Amino acid sequence: MLSDNTEPNERTFHNTEAPYVLPNDLEELSRLNLQHYIIRYYRKGNYGAPIDKNITRILDVGCGTGIWCKDMANEFPNALFDGVDINDGIDAENLFPNFTFKQADIMKGLPYKDNTFDFVFQRLLVAGMPASAWPKLCQELIRVVKPGGWVEIIETDIYFRDYGPAWKRLEPYFTAFMKKRGIDPYVVKEIPNFVKQGGLINVHHSRHISPMGISGGEIDKFMVKDLAMVFGAMKPLFVAASGMTGEKVDQLLEDFQSECFEYKTYGFAYHTWGQKSF
């Protein structure tokens, strides 16, 4: 169920103690669906870990609309899929018979028994997880995967490189939002260490450029569109923190989009997977 923590004509946000800064309304759910296809196109697939095609149970942690599970079911039609998220925002179009959803705050632990899944997948929770919570989250991902199974994590540090004056105006407020909630985006660089400490072996880690104007291609356009939706949802926070008018923030966000291509902006994504020892 979507939160009722809203005012007329405003976005709705999580009515919980979770630090997640983005909304949980229908507009945000649509954005998450778009984001899924951007990542799938850019990464050339839904996963990177060398999982067996005959695996029988898969978990998506922070599953959002359920779209990753629905997409994966085309590749693994005989597998059972589970999704868990703090928000009950599963898109009806993403429901299918072998999918089960649980609503839970993953910072309090995953609601599954030890050694349950063949593959555990998690991506883009950096804006909703305090830095101090990451070691425990990684331990939980490892706890619920079977011996010999795989854990995969895709994250970004949310910081941009080679950006223009519009984001220079807004970035300090964005950083302050994160810091106030205990979020340190650079903590994602430590994920390989967290999963190794948790017992994963055969750990793969790679860093990839997220094009936001640097290549000038279609993927850049979609990346920037996704970011514009993210920061547009945060507009009330920018207004409250900066004292700027809503119109001024709108103009800066519009300028940000064009400047991404002018300044050839980019970011980094981090891709980690590893296997639980037998």
Protein backbone atom coordinates (compact mmCIF):
# COMPACT_ATOMS: atom_id res chain seq x y z
CA MET A 1 0.00 0.00 0.00
CA LEU A 2 1.28 3.46 -0.85
CA SER A 3 1.90 5.91 1.97
CA ASP A 4 -0.73 8.45 2.97
CA ASN A 5 1.99 10.82 4.13
CA THR A 6 1.09 13.59 1.69
CA GLU A 7 -0.55 16.93 1.11
CA PRO A 8 -2.84 17.86 -1.81
CA ASN A 9 -0.92 18.14 -5.10
CA GLU A 10 2.28 16.87 -3.46
CA ARG A 11 4.27 13.68 -3.85
CA THR A 12 3.85 10.89 -1.28
CA PHE A 13 6.78 9.60 0.75
CA HIS A 14 7.49 6.63 3.01
CA ASN A 15 5.52 6.96 6.22
CA THR A 16 8.21 5.09 8.17
CA GLU A 17 11.50 5.72 9.93
CA ALA A 18 13.40 4.62 6.81
CA PRO A 19 15.93 7.17 5.53
CA TYR A 20 14.89 6.71 1.89
CA VAL A 21 14.54 10.18 0.39
CA LEU A 22 12.49 9.42 -2.74
CA PRO A 23 8.68 9.17 -3.00
CA ASN A 24 6.63 5.98 -3.02
CA ASP A 25 3.79 7.12 -5.27
CA LEU A 26 2.69 5.99 -8.72
CA GLU A 27 4.97 8.47 -10.45
CA GLU A 28 7.97 7.00 -8.65
CA LEU A 29 6.90 3.47 -9.49
CA SER A 30 6.75 4.43 -13.18
CA ARG A 31 10.26 5.84 -12.88
CA LEU A 32 11.50 2.59 -11.36
CA ASN A 33 10.12 0.66 -14.33
CA LEU A 34 11.95 3.02 -16.71
CA GLN A 35 15.12 2.69 -14.66
CA HIS A 36 14.99 -1.09 -14.95
CA TYR A 37 15.06 -0.98 -18.73
CA ILE A 38 17.85 1.61 -18.74
CA ILE A 39 20.01 -0.63 -16.57
CA ARG A 40 19.17 -3.76 -18.56
CA TYR A 41 20.10 -2.04 -21.82
CA TYR A 42 23.27 -0.53 -20.44
CA ARG A 43 24.42 -3.73 -18.70
CA LYS A 44 23.27 -5.89 -21.63
CA GLY A 45 21.21 -8.15 -19.39
CA ASN A 46 19.53 -8.55 -16.03
CA TYR A 47 22.45 -10.10 -14.13
CA GLY A 48 26.15 -10.80 -14.36
CA ALA A 49 26.81 -13.65 -11.92
CA PRO A 50 27.50 -17.06 -13.50
CA ILE A 51 24.30 -18.63 -12.22
CA ASP A 52 23.07 -22.00 -13.43
CA LYS A 53 20.07 -21.99 -15.76
CA ASN A 54 18.46 -24.70 -13.63
CA ILE A 55 18.30 -22.73 -10.36
CA THR A 56 14.95 -22.99 -8.63
CA ARG A 57 14.56 -19.98 -6.30
CA ILE A 58 15.57 -16.33 -6.74
CA LEU A 59 15.24 -13.33 -4.39
CA ASP A 60 15.14 -9.64 -5.34
CA VAL A 61 15.94 -7.42 -2.33
CA GLY A 62 14.40 -3.96 -2.66
CA CYS A 63 12.27 -5.23 -5.53
CA GLY A 64 10.31 -2.02 -6.14
CA THR A 65 7.62 -2.69 -8.75
CA GLY A 66 8.66 -6.33 -9.23
CA ILE A 67 9.76 -5.68 -12.79
CA TRP A 68 13.18 -7.35 -12.46
CA CYS A 69 11.57 -10.58 -11.26
CA LYS A 70 9.00 -10.47 -14.06
CA ASP A 71 11.76 -9.97 -16.62
CA MET A 72 13.93 -12.69 -15.12
CA ALA A 73 11.02 -15.14 -15.24
CA ASN A 74 11.34 -15.11 -19.02
CA GLU A 75 14.86 -16.51 -18.65
CA PHE A 76 14.07 -18.81 -15.71
CA PRO A 77 10.45 -19.94 -16.27
CA ASN A 78 10.70 -22.85 -13.83
CA ALA A 79 12.15 -20.85 -10.92
CA LEU A 80 10.24 -19.46 -7.95
CA PHE A 81 10.75 -15.74 -7.39
CA ASP A 82 10.53 -13.77 -4.15
CA GLY A 83 10.60 -10.02 -3.76
CA VAL A 84 10.93 -7.94 -0.60
CA ASP A 85 10.59 -4.18 -0.25
CA ILE A 86 9.65 -1.59 2.38
CA ASN A 87 6.91 -0.36 0.06
CA ASP A 88 4.03 -2.47 -1.22
CA GLY A 89 4.19 -0.98 -4.70
CA ILE A 90 4.17 -4.06 -6.88
CA ASP A 91 2.83 -3.19 -10.32
CA ALA A 92 -0.16 -5.42 -11.19
CA GLU A 93 1.37 -5.98 -14.63
CA ASN A 94 4.44 -7.49 -12.98
CA LEU A 95 2.56 -10.13 -11.00
CA PHE A 96 2.89 -13.73 -12.16
CA PRO A 97 2.05 -17.12 -10.61
CA ASN A 98 5.51 -18.07 -9.33
CA PHE A 99 6.18 -14.69 -7.65
CA THR A 100 5.75 -14.05 -3.91
CA PHE A 101 6.09 -10.62 -2.31
CA LYS A 102 6.80 -9.69 1.30
CA GLN A 103 6.69 -6.17 2.68
CA ALA A 104 9.49 -5.61 5.19
CA ASP A 105 12.13 -3.15 6.32
CA ILE A 106 15.31 -4.89 5.22
CA MET A 107 17.37 -2.85 7.69
CA LYS A 108 15.70 -5.00 10.36
CA GLY A 109 16.73 -8.20 8.58
CA LEU A 110 15.39 -10.30 5.73
CA PRO A 111 12.22 -12.29 6.51
CA TYR A 112 13.59 -15.59 5.21
CA LYS A 113 15.29 -18.65 6.66
CA ASP A 114 18.97 -19.39 6.23
CA ASN A 115 20.11 -21.03 2.98
CA THR A 116 16.82 -20.48 1.10
CA PHE A 117 17.78 -19.07 -2.31
CA ASP A 118 20.01 -20.05 -5.21
CA PHE A 119 20.48 -16.43 -6.28
CA VAL A 120 20.04 -13.20 -4.29
CA PHE A 121 19.99 -9.93 -6.21
CA GLN A 122 20.02 -6.34 -4.95
CA ARG A 123 20.50 -3.03 -6.72
CA LEU A 124 20.37 0.73 -6.17
CA LEU A 125 19.56 0.93 -2.48
CA VAL A 126 22.30 3.45 -1.76
CA ALA A 127 19.79 6.32 -1.36
CA GLY A 128 17.91 4.35 1.28
CA MET A 129 20.61 2.74 3.38
CA PRO A 130 22.72 4.49 6.03
CA ALA A 131 26.40 3.74 5.67
CA SER A 132 26.38 1.90 9.00
CA ALA A 133 23.73 -0.55 7.72
CA TRP A 134 25.66 -1.89 4.74
CA PRO A 135 27.79 -4.54 6.48
CA LYS A 136 24.67 -6.05 8.09
CA LEU A 137 22.75 -5.94 4.80
CA CYS A 138 25.53 -7.82 3.04
CA GLN A 139 25.56 -10.38 5.85
CA GLU A 140 21.80 -10.86 5.43
CA LEU A 141 22.10 -11.38 1.67
CA ILE A 142 24.70 -14.04 2.33
CA ARG A 143 22.73 -15.64 5.16
CA VAL A 144 19.68 -16.41 3.00
CA VAL A 145 21.56 -17.71 -0.05
CA LYS A 146 22.30 -21.43 -0.26
CA PRO A 147 25.86 -22.79 -0.09
CA GLY A 148 27.13 -22.63 -3.66
CA GLY A 149 24.59 -19.93 -4.52
CA TRP A 150 25.37 -16.44 -5.74
CA VAL A 151 24.81 -12.92 -4.40
CA GLU A 152 24.87 -9.95 -6.80
CA ILE A 153 24.83 -6.24 -5.94
CA ILE A 154 24.68 -3.27 -8.33
CA GLU A 155 25.15 0.21 -6.87
CA THR A 156 26.21 3.75 -7.71
CA ASP A 157 27.94 6.38 -5.61
CA ILE A 158 25.42 9.02 -6.88
CA TYR A 159 28.15 11.58 -7.46
CA PHE A 160 28.64 13.13 -10.88
CA ARG A 161 31.84 14.00 -12.68
CA ASP A 162 32.31 16.94 -15.08
CA TYR A 163 29.05 18.74 -14.40
CA GLY A 164 27.96 22.31 -15.02
CA PRO A 165 27.00 25.33 -12.89
CA ALA A 166 23.38 24.25 -12.32
CA TRP A 167 24.39 21.13 -10.41
CA LYS A 168 27.10 23.09 -8.62
CA ARG A 169 24.25 25.16 -7.14
CA LEU A 170 22.18 22.13 -6.14
CA GLU A 171 24.83 19.56 -5.19
CA PRO A 172 25.62 20.93 -1.70
CA TYR A 173 21.96 20.57 -0.69
CA PHE A 174 21.80 17.06 -2.13
CA THR A 175 24.91 16.08 -0.17
CA ALA A 176 23.38 17.56 2.97
CA PHE A 177 20.20 15.50 2.47
CA MET A 178 22.29 12.34 2.35
CA LYS A 179 24.48 13.25 5.32
CA LYS A 180 21.47 14.12 7.49
CA ARG A 181 20.13 10.58 6.94
CA GLY A 182 23.46 8.90 7.60
CA ILE A 183 23.91 8.06 3.92
CA ASP A 184 27.42 8.04 2.50
CA PRO A 185 27.24 7.08 -1.18
CA TYR A 186 30.96 6.29 -1.28
CA VAL A 187 30.33 3.35 1.04
CA VAL A 188 29.37 1.29 -2.02
CA LYS A 189 33.07 1.07 -2.88
CA GLU A 190 33.44 -1.10 0.24
CA ILE A 191 30.85 -3.68 -0.85
CA PRO A 192 33.52 -6.16 -2.09
CA ASN A 193 35.13 -6.04 1.36
CA PHE A 194 31.77 -6.44 3.11
CA VAL A 195 30.84 -9.56 1.12
CA LYS A 196 34.29 -11.10 1.51
CA GLN A 197 34.12 -10.52 5.26
CA GLY A 198 30.69 -12.16 5.17
CA GLY A 199 32.16 -15.30 3.63
CA LEU A 200 31.66 -15.00 -0.13
CA ILE A 201 34.29 -16.50 -2.40
CA ASN A 202 34.98 -16.04 -6.12
CA VAL A 203 34.14 -12.36 -5.70
CA HIS A 204 33.99 -10.26 -8.86
CA HIS A 205 34.00 -6.46 -8.67
CA SER A 206 34.03 -3.94 -11.48
CA ARG A 207 33.43 -0.23 -11.95
CA HIS A 208 31.59 1.09 -14.97
CA ILE A 209 30.96 4.56 -16.35
CA SER A 210 27.32 5.64 -16.22
CA PRO A 211 26.99 7.92 -19.27
CA MET A 212 25.02 11.09 -18.57
CA GLY A 213 26.13 13.11 -21.56
CA ILE A 214 29.70 11.90 -21.99
CA SER A 215 28.87 9.69 -24.97
CA GLY A 216 26.05 11.83 -26.36
CA GLY A 217 23.99 8.75 -27.18
CA GLU A 218 20.45 7.55 -26.50
CA ILE A 219 21.47 5.87 -23.27
CA ASP A 220 22.72 9.23 -21.98
CA LYS A 221 19.33 10.78 -22.75
CA PHE A 222 17.52 8.10 -20.77
CA MET A 223 19.99 8.31 -17.88
CA VAL A 224 19.52 12.08 -17.66
CA LYS A 225 15.74 11.72 -17.90
CA ASP A 226 15.78 9.27 -15.00
CA LEU A 227 17.92 11.64 -12.91
CA ALA A 228 15.67 14.59 -13.74
CA MET A 229 12.73 12.59 -12.39
CA VAL A 230 14.69 11.74 -9.23
CA PHE A 231 15.68 15.33 -8.51
CA GLY A 232 12.29 16.65 -9.54
CA ALA A 233 10.78 14.45 -6.84
CA MET A 234 13.19 16.03 -4.36
CA LYS A 235 12.21 19.57 -5.35
CA PRO A 236 10.50 20.35 -1.99
CA LEU A 237 13.73 19.42 -0.21
CA PHE A 238 15.80 21.68 -2.46
CA VAL A 239 13.35 24.56 -1.92
CA ALA A 240 13.28 24.13 1.86
CA ALA A 241 17.04 23.81 2.22
CA SER A 242 18.11 26.53 -0.18
CA GLY A 243 15.44 29.19 0.23
CA MET A 244 15.13 29.32 -3.56
CA THR A 245 11.70 29.47 -5.16
CA GLY A 246 10.22 26.39 -6.77
CA GLU A 247 10.50 28.13 -10.13
CA LYS A 248 14.24 28.69 -9.61
CA VAL A 249 14.78 25.05 -8.68
CA ASP A 250 12.81 23.99 -11.76
CA GLN A 251 15.05 26.17 -13.93
CA LEU A 252 18.21 24.75 -12.39
CA LEU A 253 16.99 21.21 -12.95
CA GLU A 254 16.18 22.04 -16.55
CA ASP A 255 19.63 23.59 -17.00
CA PHE A 256 21.19 20.52 -15.36
CA GLN A 257 19.80 18.30 -18.11
CA SER A 258 21.23 20.34 -20.96
CA GLU A 259 24.53 20.90 -19.16
CA CYS A 260 25.04 17.14 -18.79
CA PHE A 261 25.60 17.00 -22.56
CA GLU A 262 27.50 20.28 -22.74
CA TYR A 263 29.96 19.23 -20.03
CA LYS A 264 29.93 15.50 -20.92
CA THR A 265 28.83 14.42 -17.44
CA TYR A 266 29.21 10.88 -16.17
CA GLY A 267 29.04 8.83 -12.99
CA PHE A 268 30.19 5.42 -11.80
CA ALA A 269 28.31 2.21 -11.16
CA TYR A 270 29.77 -0.68 -9.15
CA HIS A 271 28.96 -4.29 -9.93
CA THR A 272 29.79 -7.01 -7.40
CA TRP A 273 28.96 -10.68 -7.19
CA GLY A 274 30.27 -13.63 -5.25
CA GLN A 275 29.53 -17.22 -4.29
CA LYS A 276 28.69 -18.62 -0.88
CA SER A 277 31.17 -21.31 0.09
CA PHE A 278 29.94 -24.91 0.12
